Amino acid sequence: MKHRPQVGDSAPDFSIPGIAGSERRNYSLAEFRGRKVVIAFYPGDFTPG
């Protein structure tokens, strides 16, 4: 890693797949620029068993 992020640094743009209601799509961090964002990951969500 060339630059180690420091507290207060902006996160680099990235996109992740997600679901809102019944809509599946990729969400880009750039869509939320200027707003507070929380990203949660549930590894077992939507997995049978």
Protein backbone atom coordinates (compact mmCIF):
# COMPACT_ATOMS: atom_id res chain seq x y z
CA MET A 1 0.00 0.00 0.00
CA LYS A 2 1.54 3.29 -1.07
CA HIS A 3 -0.41 5.53 1.29
CA ARG A 4 -1.59 4.41 4.70
CA PRO A 5 -4.95 6.09 5.41
CA GLN A 6 -5.12 8.33 8.44
CA VAL A 7 -8.11 9.17 10.62
CA GLY A 8 -10.15 11.77 8.76
CA ASP A 9 -8.95 10.75 5.28
CA SER A 10 -11.65 10.22 2.66
CA ALA A 11 -12.15 6.62 1.61
CA PRO A 12 -11.24 5.76 -1.98
CA ASP A 13 -14.16 5.11 -4.30
CA PHE A 14 -15.26 1.49 -4.62
CA SER A 15 -18.42 -0.39 -5.52
CA ILE A 16 -20.05 -3.38 -3.86
CA PRO A 17 -23.09 -5.52 -4.71
CA GLY A 18 -26.11 -4.99 -2.49
CA ILE A 19 -29.83 -5.39 -2.05
CA ALA A 20 -32.35 -2.71 -1.08
CA GLY A 21 -35.81 -4.21 -0.72
CA SER A 22 -36.02 -6.52 -3.74
CA GLU A 23 -33.60 -4.52 -5.92
CA ARG A 24 -30.12 -5.97 -6.44
CA ARG A 25 -27.49 -3.62 -7.82
CA ASN A 26 -23.97 -2.34 -7.32
CA TYR A 27 -23.59 0.56 -4.93
CA SER A 28 -20.72 3.00 -5.41
CA LEU A 29 -19.26 4.99 -2.55
CA ALA A 30 -19.28 8.01 -4.89
CA GLU A 31 -23.12 7.95 -4.77
CA PHE A 32 -22.95 8.80 -1.09
CA ARG A 33 -20.08 11.30 -1.14
CA GLY A 34 -20.67 14.03 1.44
CA ARG A 35 -23.00 11.88 3.56
CA LYS A 36 -22.24 9.56 6.45
CA VAL A 37 -22.22 5.90 5.39
CA VAL A 38 -22.17 2.64 7.34
CA ILE A 39 -21.35 -0.56 5.46
CA ALA A 40 -22.36 -3.83 7.11
CA PHE A 41 -21.38 -7.30 5.93
CA TYR A 42 -23.29 -10.39 6.99
CA PRO A 43 -21.46 -13.46 5.63
CA GLY A 44 -24.33 -15.86 6.36
CA ASP A 45 -27.15 -13.65 5.13
CA PHE A 46 -29.19 -15.12 2.28
CA THR A 47 -27.32 -18.44 2.64
CA PRO A 48 -29.47 -21.56 3.05
CA GLY A 49 -28.88 -23.70 6.12
